[in-house]
């Protein structure tokens, strides 16, 4: 095989690989999952972070958007909902469980762990019309990064970390919460009562459920 032939073959292989990558890129960016979230990016004038991800499970009808952002705001989620309202024919309106996992700076470093989740699926598996189900990781947040959250009606509160109850003051950034599900640091009546009193002071009249998953 001559040098020209080898060069031609290698060039053809290279062009084929580039074409495959281009097709994959176009297919990804033209998917409904991407179109919906791109509308939210554009609406909020956000740039997509290189660490942002779309994790989908078509069989279970679930999609999770991992958004790396210093100040997660519900405006982004509302913009996504606006896209769904504008496109009632979208399969994402057909009983899809949709979740946004916001990641933030923690101790001066970018982390992969979620700080706040907003979803349309509650702990019982029911799909809501709104993104009114939240999970809040108290020990990963700071008052410098959190914005007011008004869309959450059902809040899952993760306190399963040492001294995480010290961060409970950040709950003041939530308004309109009707139900709080608490994963406490440990199962101790005095500790549980203290947490209950604090939550009732912030969200008077709300329902509080405790889920014990750790050791006593």
Protein backbone atom coordinates (compact mmCIF):
# COMPACT_ATOMS: atom_id res chain seq x y z
CA UNK A 1 0.00 0.00 0.00
CA UNK A 2 1.48 3.31 -1.11
CA UNK A 3 1.98 6.37 1.02
CA UNK A 4 -0.77 8.23 -0.78
CA UNK A 5 -3.20 5.40 -0.13
CA UNK A 6 -2.28 5.28 3.57
CA UNK A 7 -2.69 9.04 3.83
CA UNK A 8 -6.06 8.84 2.10
CA UNK A 9 -7.25 6.06 4.42
CA UNK A 10 -6.12 7.91 7.55
CA UNK A 11 -7.75 11.14 6.34
CA UNK A 12 -10.97 9.25 5.61
CA UNK A 13 -10.98 7.66 9.07
CA UNK A 14 -10.35 11.04 10.67
CA UNK A 15 -13.17 12.67 8.70
CA UNK A 16 -15.50 9.80 9.61
CA UNK A 17 -14.71 10.20 13.30
CA UNK A 18 -15.31 13.95 13.10
CA UNK A 19 -18.61 13.35 11.32
CA UNK A 20 -19.73 10.89 13.98
CA UNK A 21 -18.88 13.38 16.72
CA UNK A 22 -20.73 16.13 14.88
CA UNK A 23 -23.82 13.96 14.45
CA UNK A 24 -23.72 13.00 18.15
CA UNK A 25 -23.37 16.66 19.14
CA UNK A 26 -26.26 17.75 16.95
CA UNK A 27 -28.43 14.89 18.17
CA UNK A 28 -27.71 15.76 21.79
CA UNK A 29 -28.40 19.46 21.36
CA UNK A 30 -31.60 18.80 19.42
CA UNK A 31 -33.08 16.48 22.04
CA UNK A 32 -36.15 17.60 23.92
CA UNK A 33 -34.26 17.31 27.20
CA UNK A 34 -31.72 19.82 25.95
CA UNK A 35 -34.19 22.14 24.21
CA UNK A 36 -36.20 22.54 27.41
CA UNK A 37 -33.22 23.39 29.59
CA UNK A 38 -31.62 25.57 26.91
CA UNK A 39 -34.75 27.72 27.01
CA UNK A 40 -34.14 28.20 30.74
CA UNK A 41 -30.47 29.07 30.17
CA UNK A 42 -31.41 31.65 27.55
CA UNK A 43 -34.25 33.08 29.62
CA UNK A 44 -31.95 33.58 32.61
CA UNK A 45 -29.00 34.73 30.47
CA UNK A 46 -26.90 31.95 31.99
CA UNK A 47 -23.96 30.27 30.31
CA UNK A 48 -23.96 26.50 30.49
CA UNK A 49 -21.16 25.29 32.76
CA UNK A 50 -18.88 22.55 31.43
CA UNK A 51 -19.81 20.45 34.48
CA UNK A 52 -23.55 20.74 33.90
CA UNK A 53 -25.09 17.40 33.00
CA UNK A 54 -28.35 15.86 31.80
CA UNK A 55 -28.96 12.45 33.36
CA UNK A 56 -31.97 10.72 31.87
CA UNK A 57 -33.74 7.39 32.30
CA UNK A 58 -36.28 7.03 29.51
CA UNK A 59 -37.55 3.69 30.81
CA UNK A 60 -38.46 5.18 34.20
CA UNK A 61 -39.46 8.53 32.64
CA UNK A 62 -36.98 10.46 34.77
CA UNK A 63 -34.52 13.24 34.01
CA UNK A 64 -32.14 15.06 36.33
CA UNK A 65 -30.34 18.26 35.44
CA UNK A 66 -27.12 18.87 37.32
CA UNK A 67 -26.56 22.63 37.36
CA UNK A 68 -23.31 24.04 38.76
CA UNK A 69 -24.23 27.55 39.85
CA UNK A 70 -23.14 29.77 42.72
CA UNK A 71 -26.62 31.13 43.34
CA UNK A 72 -29.33 28.63 42.44
CA UNK A 73 -32.59 30.45 41.91
CA UNK A 74 -36.07 29.20 41.21
CA UNK A 75 -36.30 31.58 38.26
CA UNK A 76 -34.32 29.03 36.25
CA UNK A 77 -36.77 26.27 37.13
CA UNK A 78 -39.73 28.57 36.42
CA UNK A 79 -38.28 29.27 32.97
CA UNK A 80 -38.05 25.52 32.33
CA UNK A 81 -41.68 25.17 33.42
CA UNK A 82 -42.57 27.99 31.04
CA UNK A 83 -41.10 25.94 28.18
CA UNK A 84 -43.25 22.96 29.17
CA UNK A 85 -46.36 25.17 29.30
CA UNK A 86 -45.56 26.52 25.84
CA UNK A 87 -45.10 22.98 24.48
CA UNK A 88 -47.95 20.83 25.88
CA UNK A 89 -47.12 18.18 23.27
CA UNK A 90 -43.68 17.58 24.84
CA UNK A 91 -43.22 14.09 26.26
CA UNK A 92 -41.74 15.76 29.34
CA UNK A 93 -45.33 16.72 30.23
CA UNK A 94 -46.36 13.07 30.14
CA UNK A 95 -45.75 12.05 33.75
CA UNK A 96 -42.01 12.72 33.67
CA UNK A 97 -40.19 13.06 36.99
CA UNK A 98 -37.94 16.10 36.51
CA UNK A 99 -35.32 17.18 39.02
CA UNK A 100 -32.76 19.97 39.20
CA UNK A 101 -29.69 19.33 41.33
CA UNK A 102 -27.86 22.59 42.03
CA UNK A 103 -24.20 22.39 43.04
CA UNK A 104 -22.31 25.23 44.65
CA UNK A 105 -19.00 26.35 46.18
CA UNK A 106 -18.28 24.72 49.52
CA UNK A 107 -15.33 25.69 51.74
CA UNK A 108 -13.86 27.57 48.80
CA UNK A 109 -14.00 24.62 46.39
CA UNK A 110 -16.38 23.55 43.68
CA UNK A 111 -18.11 20.35 44.75
CA UNK A 112 -20.11 17.68 42.98
CA UNK A 113 -22.47 17.19 45.90
CA UNK A 114 -25.92 18.69 45.53
CA UNK A 115 -26.78 21.62 47.78
CA UNK A 116 -30.39 22.07 46.70
CA UNK A 117 -32.75 19.91 44.65
CA UNK A 118 -35.99 21.15 43.12
CA UNK A 119 -38.33 18.54 41.68
CA UNK A 120 -41.89 17.84 40.60
CA UNK A 121 -41.85 14.42 42.30
CA UNK A 122 -42.60 13.99 46.01
CA UNK A 123 -41.30 11.31 48.37
CA UNK A 124 -44.38 9.17 47.67
CA UNK A 125 -43.65 9.12 43.95
CA UNK A 126 -46.44 11.49 42.96
CA UNK A 127 -45.77 13.82 40.01
CA UNK A 128 -46.77 17.44 40.61
CA UNK A 129 -47.61 20.09 38.05
CA UNK A 130 -45.16 22.46 39.72
CA UNK A 131 -41.56 22.13 40.90
CA UNK A 132 -42.63 22.49 44.50
CA UNK A 133 -40.66 19.66 46.12
CA UNK A 134 -37.24 20.58 47.48
CA UNK A 135 -34.38 18.88 49.27
CA UNK A 136 -32.03 21.11 51.19
CA UNK A 137 -28.57 20.10 52.44
CA UNK A 138 -28.03 22.51 55.31
CA UNK A 139 -24.33 21.90 55.86
CA UNK A 140 -23.43 22.66 52.23
CA UNK A 141 -25.08 26.03 52.00
CA UNK A 142 -24.08 29.49 53.09
CA UNK A 143 -26.07 32.68 53.36
CA UNK A 144 -23.81 34.12 50.65
CA UNK A 145 -25.05 31.71 48.01
CA UNK A 146 -28.69 30.97 48.72
CA UNK A 147 -31.48 33.07 47.24
CA UNK A 148 -35.08 33.30 48.36
CA UNK A 149 -37.00 30.14 47.42
CA UNK A 150 -40.77 30.58 47.25
CA UNK A 151 -41.83 27.65 45.05
CA UNK A 152 -41.22 24.83 47.56
CA UNK A 153 -44.27 23.48 49.39
CA UNK A 154 -42.74 20.17 50.49
CA UNK A 155 -39.20 20.43 51.86
CA UNK A 156 -36.91 17.50 52.62
CA UNK A 157 -34.34 18.65 55.15
CA UNK A 158 -31.06 16.74 55.34
CA UNK A 159 -29.47 17.18 58.78
CA UNK A 160 -27.55 13.94 58.80
CA UNK A 161 -24.16 15.55 59.41
CA UNK A 162 -22.34 16.59 62.59
CA UNK A 163 -23.65 19.89 63.93
CA UNK A 164 -25.80 20.39 60.84
CA UNK A 165 -28.55 21.91 63.01
CA UNK A 166 -26.34 25.00 63.26
CA UNK A 167 -27.33 25.76 59.67
CA UNK A 168 -31.07 25.78 60.35
CA UNK A 169 -31.12 29.57 60.19
CA UNK A 170 -30.87 29.22 56.41
CA UNK A 171 -34.45 27.94 56.39
CA UNK A 172 -35.48 31.57 56.67
CA UNK A 173 -34.65 31.83 52.97
CA UNK A 174 -37.64 29.57 52.21
CA UNK A 175 -41.20 30.88 52.24
CA UNK A 176 -44.50 29.09 51.78
CA UNK A 177 -43.35 25.65 52.98
CA UNK A 178 -46.31 23.51 54.07
CA UNK A 179 -44.60 20.20 54.86
CA UNK A 180 -41.11 19.43 56.16
CA UNK A 181 -39.58 15.96 56.08
CA UNK A 182 -36.50 15.83 58.29
CA UNK A 183 -33.60 13.41 58.16
CA UNK A 184 -32.07 14.20 61.56
CA UNK A 185 -28.48 13.86 62.67
CA UNK A 186 -29.45 11.27 65.27
CA UNK A 187 -32.53 9.90 66.99
CA UNK A 188 -32.65 11.69 70.33
CA UNK A 189 -35.95 13.03 71.77
CA UNK A 190 -34.41 16.27 73.07
CA UNK A 191 -32.67 16.91 69.77
CA UNK A 192 -35.83 16.09 67.77
CA UNK A 193 -37.91 18.42 69.96
CA UNK A 194 -35.42 21.26 69.50
CA UNK A 195 -35.50 20.83 65.72
CA UNK A 196 -39.29 20.61 65.73
CA UNK A 197 -39.67 23.82 67.73
CA UNK A 198 -37.30 25.66 65.42
CA UNK A 199 -39.07 24.51 62.25
CA UNK A 200 -42.49 25.37 63.70
CA UNK A 201 -41.21 28.85 64.52
CA UNK A 202 -40.07 29.40 60.93
CA UNK A 203 -42.99 27.59 59.23
CA UNK A 204 -45.94 27.90 61.64
CA UNK A 205 -48.69 25.37 60.95
CA UNK A 206 -46.57 23.16 58.72
CA UNK A 207 -46.60 19.35 58.90
CA UNK A 208 -43.34 17.82 60.16
CA UNK A 209 -42.27 14.21 59.58
CA UNK A 210 -39.02 12.68 60.79
CA UNK A 211 -37.22 9.93 58.86
CA UNK A 212 -34.59 8.15 60.95
CA UNK A 213 -31.96 6.54 58.71
CA UNK A 214 -28.84 6.64 60.88
CA UNK A 215 -27.77 5.09 64.13
CA UNK A 216 -29.28 6.14 67.42
